[in-house]
Amino acid sequence: MTKAASAAAKDLAAAGVSGVHLAWADNNGIPRSRIVPIGGLADAATRGVGATTLFAVFDTHDRITYGHHGLATPSGDVRLFPVIERLRRLAGQPALAWAPARQVAVDGAPWPYCQRAALQRQVAEAGRRGLELRAGFELEFCVTPLGSDDIAAAPGHAGPAYSPHALVPLDPFVTALLHDFEANGLRLGQLHAEYGLAQLELSLPVTDPVSAADDQLLARQTIHAAAHAHGLRVSFAPLVAPAAAGNGWHLHTSLWRKGRNLLAGPDGPQGEGAAYLAGLLRDLGALTAITAPSVPSTARLRPGYFASAYAFWGVENREAPLRYVPGSPLLGDDHANVELKPCDASANPYLALAAVLAAGLAGIDDEVPLPRPIEEDPGSWSEHERQTLGVGRLPESPSAQAAALAATPRIGAALGQELLGAFTAVRASDAEWAGERPLHEIVRAHLWRY
């Protein structure tokens, strides 16, 4: 690793790179980083870079909570190690490079609060069963001129939604995104003007889970830099205005065994594929506590916004939190996947994928039966109709999310006791901060955190 880091540092320095971001995401989904000089990259790959253990208990507002007994003291250190094989020069910040960071204890042992390691454990567990997960994110974000703090007052584009005309004023930014994604080693599925206020969406093609989470972090860095270079500011926040459609970061997954997509089939998923989907449905309330965990996240998950308010699955149903996307003669069976819609930028991408994989594997273990899909919008039904079909609301508050997570030991076991404790302490700190504050103040406080 030292040899590879030294060689990479030499090449980057010759190309004009001065430093490297060692990046990770905290328990609020917020990217954090340390920059090391390019000459220190090999040493960082050998011995790591020091950081406080308390990053695991930072809340969204950069307050440190001591509510988790395992990190209830300001003493302690963790080492950040760059993942050299994911090292990239940043096209939009040419003097800098970027690499995801592993978090390791000071004695070199695994650190139980490393979110990337939690995902790697779940991937390994799936591998022991002969299973492989493939995943990809869709990222929604809103655009405003640089210096603006109010997207509603200064939208970066005026629509219409999905129109090429909406993007004409953003042409230099869009062009930079297309160039910088490719230069940064990121494949881009597509990009368009979305439905929400000054909203854009782009998709990252599927890959293995750890790479998908790494790519999501690098995509954010790439988008922020391109926006800034073209006089813009972007918000990935779950809500950018109380009444506006929010930003989701939809998570697409498929499960494979021996090169066969288990979600594929002319009649929808069967066998292990159906049990995987049923496992996600069974634990959906607890999953959203991980995949949409901020206070604005729960406000976004409301009926009628394609944001998913009720717990059910459907075939190509955009109100469904679990939207099954079948294969087709045109696209092939390999295209079959399930989209988790209640997922957003406040989710740590590694934890989101670890929780999804754990829930799905448990569904297979327990042979959970998959109910019939729903092709309607349960939000248009009466409460009696929803109760008859067993369709309930997803958690509508931080306390409801906490209760759902506590009642689902499968998800907690995937994270581990220490990481789960830190995560829940951070969520409690965020909920305490929100308190009786009005929604518009809460939304504003989250606008630029991600």
Protein backbone atom coordinates (compact mmCIF):
# COMPACT_ATOMS: atom_id res chain seq x y z
CA MET A 1 0.00 0.00 0.00
CA THR A 2 2.86 2.38 0.83
CA LYS A 3 4.45 1.71 -2.56
CA ALA A 4 1.17 2.35 -4.36
CA ALA A 5 0.60 5.54 -2.37
CA SER A 6 4.13 6.80 -3.09
CA ALA A 7 3.72 6.16 -6.80
CA ALA A 8 0.34 7.85 -6.87
CA ALA A 9 1.63 10.84 -4.93
CA LYS A 10 4.53 11.23 -7.35
CA ASP A 11 2.21 11.19 -10.37
CA LEU A 12 -0.26 13.60 -8.77
CA ALA A 13 2.45 16.02 -7.70
CA ALA A 14 3.83 16.06 -11.25
CA ALA A 15 0.33 16.95 -12.45
CA GLY A 16 0.13 19.90 -10.07
CA VAL A 17 -1.79 18.39 -7.17
CA SER A 18 -0.86 19.86 -3.80
CA GLY A 19 -3.12 17.99 -1.37
CA VAL A 20 -5.57 15.15 -0.91
CA HIS A 21 -8.98 15.18 0.79
CA LEU A 22 -9.39 12.15 3.05
CA ALA A 23 -13.18 12.04 3.13
CA TRP A 24 -15.83 10.19 5.09
CA ALA A 25 -19.47 10.72 5.99
CA ASP A 26 -20.60 11.13 9.59
CA ASN A 27 -23.75 9.81 11.23
CA ASN A 28 -25.74 12.73 9.83
CA GLY A 29 -24.74 12.05 6.23
CA ILE A 30 -22.50 15.13 6.31
CA PRO A 31 -19.16 14.73 4.48
CA ARG A 32 -16.11 15.46 6.63
CA SER A 33 -12.47 15.48 5.54
CA ARG A 34 -8.85 16.08 6.37
CA ILE A 35 -6.50 17.43 3.68
CA VAL A 36 -2.96 16.06 3.68
CA PRO A 37 -0.17 17.56 1.57
CA ILE A 38 0.62 15.42 -1.42
CA GLY A 39 4.03 14.69 0.06
CA GLY A 40 2.36 13.19 3.12
CA LEU A 41 0.10 10.78 1.27
CA ALA A 42 2.40 7.77 1.62
CA ASP A 43 2.76 8.39 5.36
CA ALA A 44 -1.02 8.73 5.68
CA ALA A 45 -1.45 5.40 3.90
CA THR A 46 0.98 3.80 6.36
CA ARG A 47 0.13 5.40 9.69
CA GLY A 48 -3.11 7.25 9.07
CA VAL A 49 -4.05 10.80 10.01
CA GLY A 50 -5.34 11.66 13.47
CA ALA A 51 -8.89 12.82 14.17
CA THR A 52 -11.02 13.00 17.26
CA THR A 53 -13.25 10.07 18.07
CA LEU A 54 -16.02 12.57 18.68
CA PHE A 55 -16.79 12.91 14.99
CA ALA A 56 -19.00 9.86 15.59
CA VAL A 57 -21.17 11.95 17.94
CA PHE A 58 -21.32 15.25 16.05
CA ASP A 59 -24.93 16.11 15.33
CA THR A 60 -26.20 17.90 12.23
CA HIS A 61 -25.52 21.30 13.78
CA ASP A 62 -21.91 20.48 14.74
CA ARG A 63 -22.81 20.06 18.37
CA ILE A 64 -21.07 17.23 20.19
CA THR A 65 -23.35 14.97 22.20
CA TYR A 66 -22.03 12.88 25.08
CA GLY A 67 -25.24 10.87 25.18
CA HIS A 68 -23.50 7.69 24.04
CA HIS A 69 -21.58 6.11 26.92
CA GLY A 70 -18.89 4.71 24.62
CA LEU A 71 -17.83 8.22 23.56
CA ALA A 72 -18.72 10.22 26.65
CA THR A 73 -15.34 11.91 27.01
CA PRO A 74 -13.36 14.41 24.92
CA SER A 75 -10.32 12.13 25.14
CA GLY A 76 -9.52 9.77 22.31
CA ASP A 77 -8.18 9.58 18.78
CA VAL A 78 -8.89 7.66 15.60
CA ARG A 79 -6.72 7.25 12.50
CA LEU A 80 -7.94 8.01 8.98
CA PHE A 81 -6.44 5.89 6.20
CA PRO A 82 -6.93 6.79 2.52
CA VAL A 83 -8.31 4.07 0.27
CA ILE A 84 -5.61 4.43 -2.36
CA GLU A 85 -7.38 2.42 -5.05
CA ARG A 86 -10.19 5.03 -4.99
CA LEU A 87 -7.80 8.02 -5.14
CA ARG A 88 -8.92 10.57 -7.75
CA ARG A 89 -7.70 13.95 -8.89
CA LEU A 90 -10.58 16.40 -8.71
CA ALA A 91 -11.23 17.88 -12.15
CA GLY A 92 -13.10 20.83 -10.68
CA GLN A 93 -10.41 21.44 -8.03
CA PRO A 94 -7.25 20.54 -9.97
CA ALA A 95 -4.83 21.29 -7.12
CA LEU A 96 -6.59 18.70 -4.96
CA ALA A 97 -7.23 14.98 -5.07
CA TRP A 98 -9.78 12.93 -3.16
CA ALA A 99 -9.96 9.52 -1.51
CA PRO A 100 -12.47 7.91 0.84
CA ALA A 101 -11.08 7.29 4.31
CA ARG A 102 -11.21 4.23 6.52
CA GLN A 103 -11.48 4.91 10.26
CA VAL A 104 -9.14 2.73 12.32
CA ALA A 105 -8.32 2.60 16.04
CA VAL A 106 -4.99 4.07 17.11
CA ASP A 107 -3.53 0.61 17.65
CA GLY A 108 -4.47 -0.40 14.10
CA ALA A 109 -7.43 -2.52 15.18
CA PRO A 110 -10.87 -2.12 13.57
CA TRP A 111 -12.79 0.82 15.01
CA PRO A 112 -16.43 -0.09 15.69
CA TYR A 113 -17.71 3.35 14.65
CA CYS A 114 -16.41 3.16 11.06
CA GLN A 115 -19.48 3.24 8.82
CA ARG A 116 -17.57 2.01 5.76
CA ALA A 117 -16.43 -1.05 7.72
CA ALA A 118 -20.03 -1.75 8.80
CA LEU A 119 -21.04 -1.97 5.15
CA GLN A 120 -18.04 -4.13 4.31
CA ARG A 121 -19.12 -6.59 7.02
CA GLN A 122 -22.57 -6.91 5.49
CA VAL A 123 -21.13 -7.36 2.00
CA ALA A 124 -18.88 -10.10 3.38
CA GLU A 125 -21.84 -11.76 5.10
CA ALA A 126 -23.75 -11.77 1.83
CA GLY A 127 -20.70 -13.20 0.09
CA ARG A 128 -20.53 -16.06 2.59
CA ARG A 129 -24.04 -16.97 1.48
CA GLY A 130 -23.13 -16.79 -2.19
CA LEU A 131 -25.03 -13.53 -2.65
CA GLU A 132 -23.98 -10.25 -4.23
CA LEU A 133 -25.70 -6.87 -3.93
CA ARG A 134 -25.55 -4.25 -6.65
CA ALA A 135 -26.53 -0.69 -5.86
CA GLY A 136 -26.79 2.78 -7.33
CA PHE A 137 -28.02 6.18 -6.15
CA GLU A 138 -30.13 8.84 -7.83
CA LEU A 139 -29.26 12.28 -6.45
CA GLU A 140 -31.67 15.19 -6.39
CA PHE A 141 -30.49 18.71 -5.55
CA CYS A 142 -31.64 22.30 -5.88
CA VAL A 143 -29.74 25.20 -7.42
CA THR A 144 -29.53 28.87 -6.50
CA PRO A 145 -27.09 31.70 -7.30
CA LEU A 146 -23.97 31.80 -5.17
CA GLY A 147 -24.56 33.96 -2.10
CA SER A 148 -28.27 33.20 -1.92
CA ASP A 149 -29.67 31.70 1.26
CA ASP A 150 -33.22 31.36 -0.04
CA ILE A 151 -33.82 29.02 -2.98
CA ALA A 152 -37.50 29.96 -3.18
CA ALA A 153 -36.60 33.64 -3.54
CA ALA A 154 -33.75 33.00 -6.00
CA PRO A 155 -34.30 29.70 -7.84
CA GLY A 156 -31.44 28.60 -10.06
CA HIS A 157 -33.87 27.69 -12.81
CA ALA A 158 -37.52 28.49 -13.35
CA GLY A 159 -38.58 25.22 -14.96
CA PRO A 160 -40.59 23.75 -16.57
CA ALA A 161 -39.85 20.46 -14.89
CA TYR A 162 -38.06 17.96 -17.13
CA SER A 163 -37.66 20.61 -19.84
CA PRO A 164 -34.41 21.24 -21.72
CA HIS A 165 -35.31 24.93 -21.61
CA ALA A 166 -34.93 24.94 -17.82
CA LEU A 167 -31.29 23.96 -18.15
CA VAL A 168 -30.31 26.58 -20.75
CA PRO A 169 -29.36 29.18 -18.07
CA LEU A 170 -27.35 26.43 -16.36
CA ASP A 171 -25.55 25.27 -19.49
CA PRO A 172 -21.98 25.99 -18.26
CA PHE A 173 -22.71 24.17 -14.99
CA VAL A 174 -24.28 21.18 -16.77
CA THR A 175 -21.34 21.01 -19.17
CA ALA A 176 -18.91 21.08 -16.26
CA LEU A 177 -20.78 18.25 -14.54
CA LEU A 178 -20.61 16.07 -17.64
CA HIS A 179 -16.89 16.73 -17.98
CA ASP A 180 -15.94 16.53 -14.31
CA PHE A 181 -17.86 13.33 -13.62
CA GLU A 182 -16.02 11.55 -16.40
CA ALA A 183 -12.66 13.03 -15.39
CA ASN A 184 -13.22 11.99 -11.76
CA GLY A 185 -13.91 8.42 -12.79
CA LEU A 186 -17.64 8.63 -12.16
CA ARG A 187 -20.07 7.21 -14.67
CA LEU A 188 -23.20 9.29 -15.12
CA GLY A 189 -26.45 7.61 -16.09
CA GLN A 190 -28.45 10.73 -16.92
CA LEU A 191 -29.14 14.29 -15.76
CA HIS A 192 -32.28 16.39 -16.05
CA ALA A 193 -34.36 19.21 -14.58
CA GLU A 194 -36.56 17.58 -11.93
CA TYR A 195 -40.04 18.30 -10.60
CA GLY A 196 -39.13 20.27 -7.48
CA LEU A 197 -38.17 23.88 -6.91
CA ALA A 198 -35.03 24.67 -8.98
CA GLN A 199 -34.30 20.96 -8.82
CA LEU A 200 -31.97 18.75 -10.83
CA GLU A 201 -31.44 15.01 -10.69
CA LEU A 202 -28.64 12.77 -11.85
CA SER A 203 -28.15 9.04 -11.54
CA LEU A 204 -25.09 6.96 -10.79
CA PRO A 205 -25.02 3.54 -12.48
CA VAL A 206 -25.05 0.42 -10.33
CA THR A 207 -21.91 -1.08 -8.87
CA ASP A 208 -20.90 -2.96 -5.73
CA PRO A 209 -22.24 -1.46 -2.46
CA VAL A 210 -18.98 -0.02 -1.09
CA SER A 211 -18.12 1.59 -4.42
CA ALA A 212 -21.69 2.95 -4.66
CA ALA A 213 -21.29 4.71 -1.30
CA ASP A 214 -17.81 5.98 -2.23
CA ASP A 215 -19.18 7.26 -5.55
CA GLN A 216 -21.99 9.09 -3.80
CA LEU A 217 -19.49 11.03 -1.66
CA LEU A 218 -17.29 11.82 -4.66
CA ALA A 219 -20.33 12.90 -6.67
CA ARG A 220 -21.24 15.42 -3.99
CA GLN A 221 -17.72 16.87 -3.99
CA THR A 222 -17.83 17.08 -7.78
CA ILE A 223 -21.24 18.79 -7.88
CA HIS A 224 -20.38 21.34 -5.19
CA ALA A 225 -17.12 22.32 -6.92
CA ALA A 226 -18.72 22.64 -10.36
CA ALA A 227 -21.54 24.75 -8.95
CA HIS A 228 -19.18 27.10 -7.13
CA ALA A 229 -17.02 27.53 -10.22
CA HIS A 230 -20.07 28.69 -12.17
CA GLY A 231 -21.53 31.07 -9.62
CA LEU A 232 -24.03 28.64 -8.15
CA ARG A 233 -24.80 26.98 -4.87
CA VAL A 234 -26.52 23.62 -4.50
CA SER A 235 -28.58 22.17 -1.68
CA PHE A 236 -28.99 18.43 -1.19
CA ALA A 237 -31.19 18.93 1.89
CA PRO A 238 -34.30 16.75 2.26
CA LEU A 239 -36.44 19.91 2.16
CA VAL A 240 -35.44 23.30 0.77
CA ALA A 241 -38.79 24.96 1.57
CA PRO A 242 -41.57 23.64 3.81
CA ALA A 243 -44.15 23.30 1.02
CA ALA A 244 -41.80 22.29 -1.80
CA ALA A 245 -41.11 18.80 -3.08
CA GLY A 246 -37.98 17.60 -1.33
CA ASN A 247 -34.70 16.07 -2.42
CA GLY A 248 -34.57 12.30 -2.34
CA TRP A 249 -31.49 10.19 -2.96
CA HIS A 250 -33.26 7.11 -4.22
CA LEU A 251 -31.38 3.89 -3.63
CA HIS A 252 -31.68 1.14 -6.25
CA THR A 253 -30.56 -2.38 -5.32
CA SER A 254 -30.65 -5.84 -6.84
CA LEU A 255 -29.53 -9.17 -5.39
CA TRP A 256 -27.57 -11.73 -7.38
CA ARG A 257 -26.49 -15.34 -7.04
CA LYS A 258 -24.05 -16.93 -9.48
CA GLY A 259 -24.63 -14.23 -12.06
CA ARG A 260 -28.43 -14.40 -11.86
CA ASN A 261 -30.55 -11.45 -10.81
CA LEU A 262 -32.85 -12.78 -8.08
CA LEU A 263 -35.30 -9.91 -8.56
CA ALA A 264 -35.90 -10.81 -12.21
CA GLY A 265 -38.75 -12.90 -13.55
CA PRO A 266 -41.79 -12.64 -15.80
CA ASP A 267 -44.09 -12.66 -12.76
CA GLY A 268 -41.92 -10.46 -10.56
CA PRO A 269 -39.49 -11.59 -7.88
CA GLN A 270 -39.80 -15.16 -6.66
CA GLY A 271 -37.99 -17.28 -4.08
CA GLU A 272 -35.01 -15.53 -2.54
CA GLY A 273 -35.69 -12.37 -4.53
CA ALA A 274 -39.21 -12.11 -3.18
CA ALA A 275 -37.96 -12.80 0.37
CA TYR A 276 -35.30 -10.08 -0.03
CA LEU A 277 -37.96 -7.56 -1.01
CA ALA A 278 -40.25 -8.80 1.78
CA GLY A 279 -37.42 -8.32 4.27
CA LEU A 280 -37.10 -4.69 3.21
CA LEU A 281 -40.84 -4.22 3.55
CA ARG A 282 -40.95 -5.88 6.98
CA ASP A 283 -38.25 -3.57 8.37
CA LEU A 284 -39.17 -0.46 6.39
CA GLY A 285 -39.90 1.70 9.43
CA ALA A 286 -36.50 0.95 10.95
CA LEU A 287 -34.80 1.33 7.57
CA THR A 288 -36.11 4.86 7.17
CA ALA A 289 -34.61 5.68 10.57
CA ILE A 290 -31.26 5.05 8.85
CA THR A 291 -31.98 6.12 5.27
CA ALA A 292 -34.04 9.27 5.98
CA PRO A 293 -32.99 10.13 9.54
CA SER A 294 -33.06 13.92 9.84
CA VAL A 295 -35.91 15.98 11.24
CA PRO A 296 -36.70 17.43 7.77
CA SER A 297 -36.65 13.88 6.38
CA THR A 298 -39.79 12.94 8.28
CA ALA A 299 -41.47 16.14 7.08
CA ARG A 300 -40.61 15.22 3.47
CA LEU A 301 -42.24 11.79 3.68
CA ARG A 302 -45.80 12.97 3.15
CA PRO A 303 -48.64 11.85 0.89
CA GLY A 304 -48.91 13.14 -2.65
CA TYR A 305 -45.29 14.16 -3.19
CA PHE A 306 -43.88 10.90 -4.64
CA ALA A 307 -41.87 10.86 -1.40
CA SER A 308 -43.46 7.75 0.15
CA ALA A 309 -45.64 8.16 3.21
CA TYR A 310 -47.02 4.63 3.62
CA ALA A 311 -45.32 1.26 3.99
CA PHE A 312 -46.06 -0.89 0.93
CA TRP A 313 -44.50 -2.00 -2.33
CA GLY A 314 -45.69 -1.62 -5.90
CA VAL A 315 -44.64 -2.27 -9.46
CA GLU A 316 -43.46 1.03 -10.98
CA ASN A 317 -45.60 2.85 -8.39
CA ARG A 318 -43.91 6.16 -7.66
CA GLU A 319 -45.82 6.65 -4.42
CA ALA A 320 -44.44 3.35 -3.13
CA PRO A 321 -41.46 3.49 -0.77
CA LEU A 322 -40.37 0.22 -2.37
CA ARG A 323 -40.84 0.64 -6.11
CA TYR A 324 -40.19 -2.58 -7.96
CA VAL A 325 -38.69 -1.97 -11.41
CA PRO A 326 -39.09 -5.11 -13.55
CA GLY A 327 -36.92 -6.22 -16.40
CA SER A 328 -38.28 -6.01 -19.92
CA PRO A 329 -37.64 -7.43 -23.38
CA LEU A 330 -35.92 -4.16 -24.27
CA LEU A 331 -33.75 -3.79 -21.15
CA GLY A 332 -33.38 -7.44 -20.18
CA ASP A 333 -33.91 -9.25 -16.88
CA ASP A 334 -30.68 -7.79 -15.50
CA HIS A 335 -32.46 -4.45 -15.23
CA ALA A 336 -34.85 -5.67 -12.50
CA ASN A 337 -34.29 -3.86 -9.19
CA VAL A 338 -36.07 -2.30 -6.25
CA GLU A 339 -35.93 1.43 -5.55
CA LEU A 340 -35.99 2.60 -1.94
CA LYS A 341 -37.52 6.07 -2.18
CA PRO A 342 -37.41 7.25 1.48
CA CYS A 343 -33.67 7.88 1.36
CA ASP A 344 -31.96 11.27 1.29
CA ALA A 345 -28.70 13.14 1.81
CA SER A 346 -28.98 13.04 5.60
CA ALA A 347 -28.32 9.30 5.42
CA ASN A 348 -24.79 8.04 5.72
CA PRO A 349 -24.57 6.09 2.44
CA TYR A 350 -22.55 3.24 3.96
CA LEU A 351 -25.03 2.80 6.81
CA ALA A 352 -27.99 3.04 4.43
CA LEU A 353 -26.65 0.22 2.30
CA ALA A 354 -25.61 -1.85 5.33
CA ALA A 355 -29.12 -1.59 6.76
CA VAL A 356 -30.78 -2.46 3.45
CA LEU A 357 -28.57 -5.49 2.96
CA ALA A 358 -29.14 -6.68 6.54
CA ALA A 359 -32.92 -6.38 6.21
CA GLY A 360 -32.92 -8.17 2.88
CA LEU A 361 -30.70 -11.02 4.06
CA ALA A 362 -32.88 -11.47 7.15
CA GLY A 363 -35.91 -11.66 4.91
CA ILE A 364 -34.27 -14.54 3.03
CA ASP A 365 -33.25 -16.28 6.25
CA ASP A 366 -36.78 -16.03 7.65
CA GLU A 367 -38.47 -16.81 4.32
CA VAL A 368 -40.69 -13.77 4.80
CA PRO A 369 -43.68 -13.94 2.45
CA LEU A 370 -44.16 -11.06 0.04
CA PRO A 371 -47.68 -9.60 -0.03
CA ARG A 372 -49.34 -8.58 -3.25
CA PRO A 373 -48.12 -5.30 -4.77
CA ILE A 374 -50.28 -2.17 -4.54
CA GLU A 375 -50.73 -0.18 -7.71
CA GLU A 376 -52.75 2.69 -6.22
CA ASP A 377 -51.92 5.56 -3.88
CA PRO A 378 -52.90 4.56 -0.32
CA GLY A 379 -52.95 8.25 0.52
CA SER A 380 -56.23 8.46 -1.39
CA TRP A 381 -57.80 5.65 0.66
CA SER A 382 -59.73 5.88 3.89
CA GLU A 383 -58.00 4.90 7.09
CA HIS A 384 -60.24 1.83 7.25
CA GLU A 385 -59.10 0.74 3.78
CA ARG A 386 -55.45 1.13 4.76
CA GLN A 387 -55.96 -0.84 7.96
CA THR A 388 -57.75 -3.61 6.08
CA LEU A 389 -54.76 -4.09 3.80
CA GLY A 390 -52.20 -3.57 6.57
CA VAL A 391 -50.76 -0.38 5.11
CA GLY A 392 -49.50 1.98 7.82
CA ARG A 393 -47.67 5.31 7.83
CA LEU A 394 -43.93 5.35 7.91
CA PRO A 395 -42.51 7.02 11.06
CA GLU A 396 -43.58 10.65 11.12
CA SER A 397 -41.26 11.96 13.85
CA PRO A 398 -37.79 11.36 15.29
CA SER A 399 -39.33 9.58 18.27
CA ALA A 400 -41.30 7.25 15.99
CA GLN A 401 -38.16 6.50 13.99
CA ALA A 402 -36.23 5.79 17.18
CA ALA A 403 -38.93 3.42 18.37
CA ALA A 404 -38.99 1.57 15.04
CA LEU A 405 -35.21 1.19 15.06
CA ALA A 406 -35.17 -0.03 18.68
CA ALA A 407 -37.84 -2.60 17.83
CA THR A 408 -35.82 -4.06 14.94
CA PRO A 409 -32.73 -5.81 16.31
CA ARG A 410 -31.78 -7.04 12.84
CA ILE A 411 -30.79 -3.53 11.79
CA GLY A 412 -29.02 -2.77 15.06
CA ALA A 413 -27.01 -5.97 14.80
CA ALA A 414 -25.79 -4.98 11.35
CA LEU A 415 -24.44 -1.69 12.67
CA GLY A 416 -23.05 -3.10 15.90
CA GLN A 417 -23.82 -1.96 19.42
CA GLU A 418 -21.26 0.86 19.50
CA LEU A 419 -22.14 2.39 16.13
CA LEU A 420 -25.86 2.05 16.79
CA GLY A 421 -25.40 3.79 20.14
CA ALA A 422 -23.55 6.72 18.58
CA PHE A 423 -26.08 6.99 15.77
CA THR A 424 -29.09 7.05 18.09
CA ALA A 425 -27.39 9.59 20.37
CA VAL A 426 -26.85 11.90 17.42
CA ARG A 427 -30.47 11.51 16.33
CA ALA A 428 -31.63 12.33 19.86
CA SER A 429 -29.41 15.43 19.87
CA ASP A 430 -30.92 16.59 16.57
CA ALA A 431 -34.44 16.02 17.87
CA GLU A 432 -33.65 17.99 21.03
CA TRP A 433 -32.29 20.86 18.92
CA ALA A 434 -35.42 20.92 16.76
CA GLY A 435 -37.65 20.90 19.85
CA GLU A 436 -40.48 23.36 19.35
CA ARG A 437 -38.79 25.22 16.50
CA PRO A 438 -41.08 25.86 13.50
CA LEU A 439 -40.52 23.80 10.37
CA HIS A 440 -39.27 26.73 8.28
CA GLU A 441 -36.46 27.35 10.78
CA ILE A 442 -35.55 23.65 10.85
CA VAL A 443 -35.49 23.49 7.06
CA ARG A 444 -33.28 26.57 6.81
CA ALA A 445 -30.80 25.15 9.31
CA HIS A 446 -30.31 22.02 7.16
CA LEU A 447 -30.07 23.69 3.75
CA TRP A 448 -26.31 23.73 3.35
CA ARG A 449 -25.17 20.86 5.57
CA TYR A 450 -24.77 18.15 2.94
